[in-house]
Amino acid sequence: MSVPFQASLLDSGPGLGNLVQAHRTELAGGAWVDVLPGWLRGADTLFTTLVQDVPWQAERRRMYDAIVDVPRLLAFYREGMALPDPMLDAAKEALSRHYRIVFTTAGLCLYRDGRDSVAWHGDRVGRGSTEDTCVAIASLGATRVLALRPRTGGPALRFPLAHGDLLVMGGSCQRTWDHAVPKSTRPTGPRVSIQFRPRDVL
């Protein structure tokens, strides 16, 4: 697959930033979010590799009384499966060490343009519905907003995630907050989202 993307003129060699430098936002109900801009260095090469080499799938799902196209392309790497780039192995190991929780799976989404999105939801299938946990999202490509809002209602928080940025949702976030990637009416290039999760969190 070939997707146009304007590479960064300042992109350096591959590597990971220091997770200690992540900025934490404490949320209501025991939830929190960490954000670390530019965590993935060498992101241009990784973005190109994932877009070209990942076996992206278009899926259809039931939505109320209809079967609809999922508005993004998907790939999922279960526990024990080889990841499509060594940088993802390094990222998973670094996150596991820092957060003291073993990340076992990697879900990938390709947002082809601003029309692709993900609706409000929490990762509440499995133990995320009853236990505190972490979901880490690394973003590559065009900047897109990840929005968070309390399940009980209230205004949404907006986190624009740029090329190489990391966002980690922790504590009770999956139970007490919902998150989404809204559609964008602005001309928007492609974005790859990489979601690292522990065992039995979907």
Protein backbone atom coordinates (compact mmCIF):
# COMPACT_ATOMS: atom_id res chain seq x y z
CA MET A 1 0.00 0.00 0.00
CA SER A 2 1.26 3.47 -0.84
CA VAL A 3 -0.05 6.43 1.16
CA PRO A 4 1.31 9.97 0.68
CA PHE A 5 2.91 11.52 3.74
CA GLN A 6 5.10 14.61 4.17
CA ALA A 7 8.17 13.36 6.04
CA SER A 8 9.81 15.48 8.71
CA LEU A 9 12.94 17.41 7.76
CA LEU A 10 14.21 16.99 11.33
CA ASP A 11 13.63 13.26 11.75
CA SER A 12 16.62 11.59 13.44
CA GLY A 13 17.68 7.97 13.64
CA PRO A 14 15.49 5.36 15.34
CA GLY A 15 15.16 5.41 19.11
CA LEU A 16 12.87 6.06 22.04
CA GLY A 17 12.52 9.10 24.26
CA ASN A 18 12.74 8.98 28.06
CA LEU A 19 9.38 7.95 29.52
CA VAL A 20 10.24 9.76 32.75
CA GLN A 21 9.66 12.99 30.82
CA ALA A 22 6.00 12.19 30.07
CA HIS A 23 3.54 14.81 31.36
CA ARG A 24 0.73 13.33 33.47
CA THR A 25 -2.80 14.74 33.59
CA GLU A 26 -4.82 13.47 36.55
CA LEU A 27 -8.46 12.87 35.65
CA ALA A 28 -11.55 12.32 37.77
CA GLY A 29 -12.38 8.90 39.18
CA GLY A 30 -8.81 7.64 39.56
CA ALA A 31 -7.94 7.93 35.86
CA TRP A 32 -4.85 9.56 34.37
CA VAL A 33 -3.21 10.25 31.01
CA ASP A 34 0.50 10.54 30.22
CA VAL A 35 1.65 12.38 27.07
CA LEU A 36 5.19 12.42 25.68
CA PRO A 37 5.68 14.32 22.39
CA GLY A 38 8.23 12.87 19.97
CA TRP A 39 8.69 9.64 21.92
CA LEU A 40 9.33 7.58 18.77
CA ARG A 41 12.44 8.90 17.02
CA GLY A 42 13.10 7.80 13.45
CA ALA A 43 9.33 7.87 13.01
CA ASP A 44 9.46 8.56 9.26
CA THR A 45 11.03 5.19 8.48
CA LEU A 46 8.75 3.34 10.89
CA PHE A 47 5.66 4.99 9.39
CA THR A 48 6.67 3.96 5.85
CA THR A 49 7.45 0.40 6.95
CA LEU A 50 4.11 -0.07 8.69
CA VAL A 51 2.05 1.41 5.86
CA GLN A 52 3.78 -0.77 3.26
CA ASP A 53 4.36 -4.04 5.15
CA VAL A 54 1.44 -4.50 7.56
CA PRO A 55 -1.37 -6.71 6.15
CA TRP A 56 -4.07 -4.08 6.62
CA GLN A 57 -7.66 -5.34 6.69
CA ALA A 58 -10.90 -3.54 5.92
CA GLU A 59 -13.62 -4.80 8.26
CA ARG A 60 -17.38 -4.53 8.53
CA ARG A 61 -19.29 -4.51 11.83
CA ARG A 62 -22.85 -4.41 13.01
CA MET A 63 -23.97 -0.94 14.06
CA TYR A 64 -27.50 -1.02 15.46
CA ASP A 65 -29.57 -2.63 12.66
CA ALA A 66 -27.02 -2.35 9.85
CA ILE A 67 -23.65 -3.78 8.80
CA VAL A 68 -21.28 -0.89 8.10
CA ASP A 69 -17.67 -0.42 7.00
CA VAL A 70 -15.21 0.25 9.84
CA PRO A 71 -13.87 3.75 9.01
CA ARG A 72 -10.17 2.81 9.19
CA LEU A 73 -7.94 -0.14 8.27
CA LEU A 74 -6.92 -2.59 10.99
CA ALA A 75 -4.27 -5.12 11.98
CA PHE A 76 -3.87 -7.00 15.26
CA TYR A 77 -0.80 -8.75 16.65
CA ARG A 78 -1.74 -11.22 19.36
CA GLU A 79 0.56 -12.27 22.19
CA GLY A 80 3.50 -14.22 20.78
CA MET A 81 3.13 -12.96 17.20
CA ALA A 82 6.13 -11.29 15.56
CA LEU A 83 5.67 -7.53 15.30
CA PRO A 84 6.26 -5.89 11.89
CA ASP A 85 9.27 -3.80 12.99
CA PRO A 86 11.90 -4.16 15.75
CA MET A 87 11.06 -0.63 16.96
CA LEU A 88 7.68 -1.93 18.12
CA ASP A 89 9.36 -4.67 20.17
CA ALA A 90 11.62 -2.06 21.78
CA ALA A 91 8.65 0.21 22.45
CA LYS A 92 6.64 -2.58 24.05
CA GLU A 93 9.54 -3.58 26.29
CA ALA A 94 10.24 0.02 27.36
CA LEU A 95 6.58 0.61 28.22
CA SER A 96 6.42 -2.63 30.18
CA ARG A 97 9.47 -1.69 32.26
CA HIS A 98 8.35 1.86 32.95
CA TYR A 99 4.72 1.14 33.84
CA ARG A 100 5.45 -2.20 35.54
CA ILE A 101 2.76 -3.95 33.55
CA VAL A 102 3.42 -6.45 30.76
CA PHE A 103 2.13 -5.23 27.42
CA THR A 104 1.42 -8.30 25.28
CA THR A 105 -0.56 -7.21 22.18
CA ALA A 106 -0.34 -4.52 19.52
CA GLY A 107 -3.36 -3.27 17.63
CA LEU A 108 -2.72 -1.05 14.61
CA CYS A 109 -5.09 1.35 12.86
CA LEU A 110 -4.49 3.20 9.59
CA TYR A 111 -6.51 6.40 9.31
CA ARG A 112 -6.28 7.15 5.58
CA ASP A 113 -7.62 10.71 5.80
CA GLY A 114 -9.87 12.90 7.94
CA ARG A 115 -12.93 10.82 7.13
CA ASP A 116 -11.52 7.84 9.03
CA SER A 117 -12.26 7.83 12.75
CA VAL A 118 -13.10 5.78 15.83
CA ALA A 119 -16.28 6.32 17.84
CA TRP A 120 -16.52 6.91 21.59
CA HIS A 121 -15.63 3.78 23.54
CA GLY A 122 -13.54 2.34 26.38
CA ASP A 123 -11.36 -0.79 26.21
CA ARG A 124 -13.71 -2.63 28.53
CA VAL A 125 -13.67 -6.13 27.04
CA GLY A 126 -11.83 -8.37 29.49
CA ARG A 127 -10.30 -7.23 32.76
CA GLY A 128 -10.28 -3.58 31.73
CA SER A 129 -13.95 -3.57 32.72
CA THR A 130 -13.17 -4.32 36.39
CA GLU A 131 -9.48 -3.50 37.02
CA ASP A 132 -7.14 -0.55 36.61
CA THR A 133 -4.93 -1.03 33.57
CA CYS A 134 -2.87 0.81 30.94
CA VAL A 135 -3.36 1.30 27.21
CA ALA A 136 -0.46 2.99 25.40
CA ILE A 137 -0.97 4.66 22.01
CA ALA A 138 1.91 5.68 19.75
CA SER A 139 0.98 7.93 16.83
CA LEU A 140 2.70 8.22 13.45
CA GLY A 141 1.91 10.47 10.50
CA ALA A 142 -0.61 13.28 10.43
CA THR A 143 -1.69 14.96 13.64
CA ARG A 144 -5.09 13.75 14.86
CA VAL A 145 -7.00 14.51 18.05
CA LEU A 146 -7.61 11.83 20.65
CA ALA A 147 -10.57 13.02 22.73
CA LEU A 148 -11.49 11.85 26.24
CA ARG A 149 -14.73 12.43 28.15
CA PRO A 150 -16.17 11.04 31.41
CA ARG A 151 -18.64 8.19 30.98
CA THR A 152 -21.01 10.03 33.30
CA GLY A 153 -21.03 13.08 31.03
CA GLY A 154 -19.16 16.34 30.81
CA PRO A 155 -16.88 18.23 28.45
CA ALA A 156 -14.27 16.38 26.43
CA LEU A 157 -10.51 16.84 26.71
CA ARG A 158 -8.63 16.99 23.40
CA PHE A 159 -5.08 15.69 22.94
CA PRO A 160 -3.62 16.43 19.48
CA LEU A 161 -1.19 13.59 18.76
CA ALA A 162 1.55 14.41 16.26
CA HIS A 163 4.15 12.30 14.44
CA GLY A 164 6.01 10.15 17.01
CA ASP A 165 3.90 11.17 20.03
CA LEU A 166 2.88 8.80 22.84
CA LEU A 167 -0.29 8.87 24.96
CA VAL A 168 -0.88 6.39 27.81
CA MET A 169 -4.27 5.99 29.50
CA GLY A 170 -4.01 4.50 32.97
CA GLY A 171 -5.71 3.91 36.29
CA SER A 172 -9.47 3.60 35.91
CA CYS A 173 -9.47 5.38 32.53
CA GLN A 174 -10.98 2.50 30.53
CA ARG A 175 -13.83 2.05 33.03
CA THR A 176 -14.62 5.67 33.88
CA TRP A 177 -13.78 7.56 30.67
CA ASP A 178 -14.44 7.06 26.94
CA HIS A 179 -12.07 8.02 24.14
CA ALA A 180 -12.45 8.67 20.42
CA VAL A 181 -10.65 9.91 17.32
CA PRO A 182 -13.18 12.29 15.73
CA LYS A 183 -13.49 12.87 12.00
CA SER A 184 -11.70 15.95 10.67
CA THR A 185 -13.13 18.35 8.08
CA ARG A 186 -9.65 19.74 7.37
CA PRO A 187 -7.45 18.20 4.65
CA THR A 188 -5.63 15.52 6.67
CA GLY A 189 -2.93 13.07 5.67
CA PRO A 190 -2.65 9.44 6.79
CA ARG A 191 -1.98 8.41 10.37
CA VAL A 192 -0.98 5.09 11.95
CA SER A 193 -2.01 4.42 15.55
CA ILE A 194 -0.27 1.66 17.52
CA GLN A 195 -2.08 0.51 20.66
CA PHE A 196 -0.15 -1.60 23.17
CA ARG A 197 -2.31 -3.47 25.68
CA PRO A 198 -1.77 -5.98 28.50
CA ARG A 199 -3.20 -9.49 28.37
CA ASP A 200 -7.02 -9.71 28.40
CA VAL A 201 -7.63 -6.01 27.70
CA LEU A 202 -9.50 -5.17 24.48
